[in-house]
Amino acid sequence: MIKLFTLWNRRPDQTHDEAVDYWTRVHAPKVVAAHGSHLLRYACNVGLPADYSGWAPDEAPAWDGIAEGWYDCDDPADLTALLGATADHLRAGEQRFMGTFRHVITDQRVHRDLGRAQRGVKMLFMLMRRPDMTPDQSVAYWRDRHVPFVRDLFADALVRYTTNVGLAADYRGWSPHEAPLYDGIAELALDHSVAEQQAFVRSNLEALLEDERAFMGTYRAVATREVLVAGQPDEFLPTGP
């Protein structure tokens, strides 16, 4: 199983709400239909207003929305072939609301999954490793040491928690950029509201930042509202064999 993230910003002549409405109501169902049985689950993560100052390296989210697809394949080449074969069919729809977009193909590992939808915000953190660390070193610290720390810190408020490590892939021909922006993406589905999440992070900011600096060079955070287009909210996330 491979997970694909598509991070996008709206066309400059559209509002956020106009772009999101077309994405979730018209385009996302077309993606699900085009990718058929290969697509196990598909979520639209809609960017929400949030105050990132003081705890994220940048004070505004990087993206209007992040599409998240779980695919029944094990080789990035198989996924890029599928996406390349359907790119022409979907391109006109993408151009109706996207100004720019980037893809990141990832290997997902699930660290908590209660098998239900969260009652609050879904946070996505796009990570770049420290420049003095190799990808393997950064991932090892992230998954072996940072994940247990975060899981214990958020405790019962954490409904789902996955780490998604970027995989090498050939993006040419179906993505406007040939390399992913990020080394990995952390996904936290919470029972916190946006305001509760911000307050919680600020109350634990010193400990969080200290541990993040051990393996991250930088990151971007996006608070989102999940719109599930394929799959059920009360089922466990797809995983590999």
Protein backbone atom coordinates (compact mmCIF):
# COMPACT_ATOMS: atom_id res chain seq x y z
CA MET A 1 0.00 0.00 0.00
CA ILE A 2 1.30 3.46 -1.00
CA LYS A 3 -0.10 6.82 0.01
CA LEU A 4 -0.12 9.85 -2.28
CA PHE A 5 -0.40 13.42 -1.04
CA THR A 6 -1.27 16.20 -3.49
CA LEU A 7 -0.63 19.64 -2.01
CA TRP A 8 -2.29 22.48 -3.91
CA ASN A 9 -2.98 26.19 -3.92
CA ARG A 10 -5.95 27.78 -5.64
CA ARG A 11 -5.97 29.78 -8.83
CA PRO A 12 -5.28 33.47 -8.15
CA ASP A 13 -8.69 34.47 -9.57
CA GLN A 14 -10.59 32.28 -7.08
CA THR A 15 -11.37 32.49 -3.41
CA HIS A 16 -10.43 29.66 -1.08
CA ASP A 17 -14.09 28.70 -0.68
CA GLU A 18 -14.71 28.64 -4.45
CA ALA A 19 -11.72 26.39 -5.09
CA VAL A 20 -12.57 24.05 -2.21
CA ASP A 21 -16.19 23.73 -3.33
CA TYR A 22 -15.16 22.62 -6.83
CA TRP A 23 -12.48 20.29 -5.45
CA THR A 24 -14.66 18.45 -2.95
CA ARG A 25 -17.96 18.49 -4.86
CA VAL A 26 -16.86 17.94 -8.49
CA HIS A 27 -13.21 17.01 -8.92
CA ALA A 28 -12.60 14.58 -6.05
CA PRO A 29 -15.40 12.18 -7.12
CA LYS A 30 -13.89 12.16 -10.64
CA VAL A 31 -10.50 11.17 -9.19
CA VAL A 32 -12.12 8.33 -7.27
CA ALA A 33 -13.95 7.10 -10.39
CA ALA A 34 -10.85 7.37 -12.60
CA HIS A 35 -8.61 5.42 -10.22
CA GLY A 36 -11.21 2.77 -9.50
CA SER A 37 -10.35 -0.25 -7.40
CA HIS A 38 -6.71 0.85 -7.08
CA LEU A 39 -7.86 3.62 -4.72
CA LEU A 40 -8.66 2.29 -1.24
CA ARG A 41 -9.46 5.58 0.50
CA TYR A 42 -9.49 9.23 -0.54
CA ALA A 43 -9.70 12.31 1.66
CA CYS A 44 -9.78 16.03 0.95
CA ASN A 45 -8.04 17.94 3.74
CA VAL A 46 -9.31 21.51 3.56
CA GLY A 47 -7.04 24.18 5.02
CA LEU A 48 -8.52 26.08 7.98
CA PRO A 49 -7.70 29.51 9.39
CA ALA A 50 -5.27 29.16 12.29
CA ASP A 51 -2.68 31.21 14.13
CA TYR A 52 0.66 29.48 13.57
CA SER A 53 2.80 32.28 15.01
CA GLY A 54 5.20 31.21 17.71
CA TRP A 55 5.13 27.46 17.16
CA ALA A 56 5.49 26.88 13.41
CA PRO A 57 8.48 28.17 11.39
CA ASP A 58 6.14 30.06 9.05
CA GLU A 59 3.04 31.91 10.14
CA ALA A 60 0.75 30.92 7.27
CA PRO A 61 -0.13 27.48 5.90
CA ALA A 62 1.59 26.53 2.69
CA TRP A 63 -1.46 25.05 0.95
CA ASP A 64 -5.21 25.61 0.45
CA GLY A 65 -5.80 21.88 0.46
CA ILE A 66 -4.09 18.51 0.60
CA ALA A 67 -5.55 15.47 -1.16
CA GLU A 68 -4.71 12.13 0.41
CA GLY A 69 -5.08 8.84 -1.45
CA TRP A 70 -4.33 5.30 -0.26
CA TYR A 71 -3.46 3.06 -3.24
CA ASP A 72 -3.40 -0.72 -3.55
CA CYS A 73 0.13 -0.97 -4.96
CA ASP A 74 3.59 -1.45 -3.52
CA ASP A 75 5.88 0.09 -6.16
CA PRO A 76 5.95 3.87 -6.78
CA ALA A 77 6.43 3.10 -10.48
CA ASP A 78 3.04 1.37 -10.59
CA LEU A 79 1.39 4.40 -9.00
CA THR A 80 3.08 6.88 -11.32
CA ALA A 81 1.96 4.76 -14.28
CA LEU A 82 -1.64 4.87 -13.06
CA LEU A 83 -1.51 8.60 -12.48
CA GLY A 84 0.15 9.19 -15.83
CA ALA A 85 -2.56 7.18 -17.60
CA THR A 86 -5.35 9.26 -16.02
CA ALA A 87 -3.61 12.66 -16.04
CA ASP A 88 -5.09 13.88 -19.33
CA HIS A 89 -8.60 12.87 -18.23
CA LEU A 90 -8.30 14.81 -14.95
CA ARG A 91 -6.21 17.78 -16.06
CA ALA A 92 -9.09 20.01 -17.15
CA GLY A 93 -10.72 19.59 -13.77
CA GLU A 94 -7.49 20.38 -11.94
CA GLN A 95 -7.13 23.57 -13.92
CA ARG A 96 -10.59 24.68 -12.79
CA PHE A 97 -9.40 25.23 -9.22
CA MET A 98 -5.65 24.60 -8.84
CA GLY A 99 -3.06 27.25 -9.45
CA THR A 100 -0.09 25.10 -8.43
CA PHE A 101 0.31 21.66 -6.95
CA ARG A 102 2.99 19.22 -5.83
CA HIS A 103 2.89 15.47 -5.24
CA VAL A 104 4.58 13.42 -2.53
CA ILE A 105 4.46 9.60 -2.74
CA THR A 106 4.94 8.07 0.70
CA ASP A 107 5.27 4.94 2.78
CA GLN A 108 2.71 5.14 5.60
CA ARG A 109 3.18 3.75 9.09
CA VAL A 110 0.22 3.85 11.48
CA HIS A 111 1.07 4.63 15.11
CA ARG A 112 -2.47 5.06 16.45
CA ASP A 113 -5.85 4.36 14.87
CA LEU A 114 -9.03 4.18 16.91
CA GLY A 115 -11.11 3.28 13.83
CA ARG A 116 -13.35 6.34 13.99
CA ALA A 117 -13.43 9.89 12.71
CA GLN A 118 -11.89 12.58 14.85
CA ARG A 119 -14.20 15.12 16.47
CA GLY A 120 -11.85 18.01 15.87
CA VAL A 121 -9.02 19.15 13.65
CA LYS A 122 -6.67 17.13 11.46
CA MET A 123 -3.11 18.44 11.50
CA LEU A 124 -0.62 17.80 8.72
CA PHE A 125 3.07 18.59 9.18
CA MET A 126 5.29 18.59 6.09
CA LEU A 127 8.85 17.89 7.24
CA MET A 128 12.36 18.45 5.96
CA ARG A 129 15.19 16.70 7.76
CA ARG A 130 18.12 18.44 9.40
CA PRO A 131 20.78 19.14 6.73
CA ASP A 132 23.44 17.30 8.74
CA MET A 133 21.38 14.08 8.83
CA THR A 134 20.80 11.41 6.23
CA PRO A 135 17.20 10.48 5.38
CA ASP A 136 17.59 7.19 7.28
CA GLN A 137 18.94 8.93 10.38
CA SER A 138 16.12 11.47 10.41
CA VAL A 139 13.42 8.85 9.87
CA ALA A 140 14.87 6.61 12.59
CA TYR A 141 14.69 9.41 15.16
CA TRP A 142 11.25 10.50 13.95
CA ARG A 143 9.63 7.08 14.18
CA ASP A 144 11.57 5.53 17.06
CA ARG A 145 11.79 8.50 19.45
CA HIS A 146 9.58 11.42 18.39
CA VAL A 147 6.46 9.37 17.66
CA PRO A 148 6.22 7.82 21.16
CA PHE A 149 6.78 11.27 22.66
CA VAL A 150 3.93 12.82 20.62
CA ARG A 151 1.63 9.84 21.16
CA ASP A 152 2.06 10.05 24.93
CA LEU A 153 1.78 13.83 24.98
CA PHE A 154 -1.54 14.01 23.12
CA ALA A 155 -2.90 10.94 24.92
CA ASP A 156 -6.66 10.39 24.52
CA ALA A 157 -7.13 13.39 22.19
CA LEU A 158 -5.17 11.57 19.46
CA VAL A 159 -7.51 9.50 17.27
CA ARG A 160 -5.19 8.70 14.35
CA TYR A 161 -1.47 9.23 13.95
CA THR A 162 0.60 8.27 10.91
CA THR A 163 4.08 9.01 9.66
CA ASN A 164 4.50 9.10 5.89
CA VAL A 165 8.05 8.91 4.56
CA GLY A 166 8.71 10.19 1.05
CA LEU A 167 9.61 7.56 -1.56
CA ALA A 168 11.82 8.00 -4.61
CA ALA A 169 9.62 8.30 -7.71
CA ASP A 170 9.70 9.63 -11.27
CA TYR A 171 7.25 12.55 -11.29
CA ARG A 172 8.01 13.64 -14.84
CA GLY A 173 5.09 13.92 -17.23
CA TRP A 174 2.25 13.95 -14.70
CA SER A 175 3.40 16.44 -12.06
CA PRO A 176 4.53 19.98 -12.84
CA HIS A 177 7.60 19.49 -10.63
CA GLU A 178 9.98 16.56 -10.72
CA ALA A 179 10.85 16.20 -7.03
CA PRO A 180 8.80 16.24 -3.84
CA LEU A 181 9.13 19.23 -1.55
CA TYR A 182 9.27 17.26 1.69
CA ASP A 183 11.02 14.26 3.25
CA GLY A 184 7.85 13.20 5.03
CA ILE A 185 4.41 14.15 6.29
CA ALA A 186 3.05 13.60 9.81
CA GLU A 187 -0.72 13.26 10.13
CA LEU A 188 -2.54 13.75 13.45
CA ALA A 189 -6.33 13.42 13.66
CA LEU A 190 -7.49 14.93 16.94
CA ASP A 191 -10.51 15.48 19.11
CA HIS A 192 -9.18 19.01 19.72
CA SER A 193 -10.76 22.01 18.01
CA VAL A 194 -8.34 24.35 16.20
CA ALA A 195 -8.31 26.69 19.22
CA GLU A 196 -7.80 23.81 21.66
CA GLN A 197 -4.99 22.43 19.52
CA GLN A 198 -3.23 25.78 19.37
CA ALA A 199 -3.51 26.25 23.12
CA PHE A 200 -2.27 22.71 23.77
CA VAL A 201 0.74 23.15 21.50
CA ARG A 202 1.68 26.46 23.08
CA SER A 203 1.46 24.98 26.57
CA ASN A 204 3.92 22.24 25.52
CA LEU A 205 5.91 24.27 23.03
CA GLU A 206 9.36 24.10 24.62
CA ALA A 207 9.36 20.30 24.88
CA LEU A 208 7.94 19.85 21.38
CA LEU A 209 10.44 22.17 19.73
CA GLU A 210 13.39 20.61 21.53
CA ASP A 211 12.49 17.15 20.26
CA GLU A 212 11.62 18.34 16.74
CA ARG A 213 15.00 20.04 16.39
CA ALA A 214 16.69 16.69 16.94
CA PHE A 215 15.64 15.50 13.46
CA MET A 216 13.83 18.29 11.58
CA GLY A 217 15.44 21.09 9.62
CA THR A 218 12.14 22.83 9.03
CA TYR A 219 8.45 22.08 8.56
CA ARG A 220 5.13 23.58 7.51
CA ALA A 221 1.92 23.00 9.43
CA VAL A 222 -1.63 22.97 8.08
CA ALA A 223 -4.77 22.67 10.21
CA THR A 224 -7.45 20.97 8.11
CA ARG A 225 -11.02 19.78 7.98
CA GLU A 226 -11.23 16.28 6.52
CA VAL A 227 -13.80 15.55 3.81
CA LEU A 228 -13.82 11.80 3.16
CA VAL A 229 -14.75 11.02 -0.45
CA ALA A 230 -13.91 7.28 -0.62
CA GLY A 231 -13.87 5.05 2.45
CA GLN A 232 -15.76 5.12 5.74
CA PRO A 233 -14.97 7.34 8.74
CA ASP A 234 -15.50 4.47 11.20
CA GLU A 235 -13.06 2.01 9.60
CA PHE A 236 -9.37 1.53 10.21
CA LEU A 237 -6.89 3.08 7.79
CA PRO A 238 -5.61 0.91 4.93
CA THR A 239 -2.18 -0.54 5.65
CA GLY A 240 0.32 -2.67 3.80
CA PRO A 241 0.52 -6.47 4.03
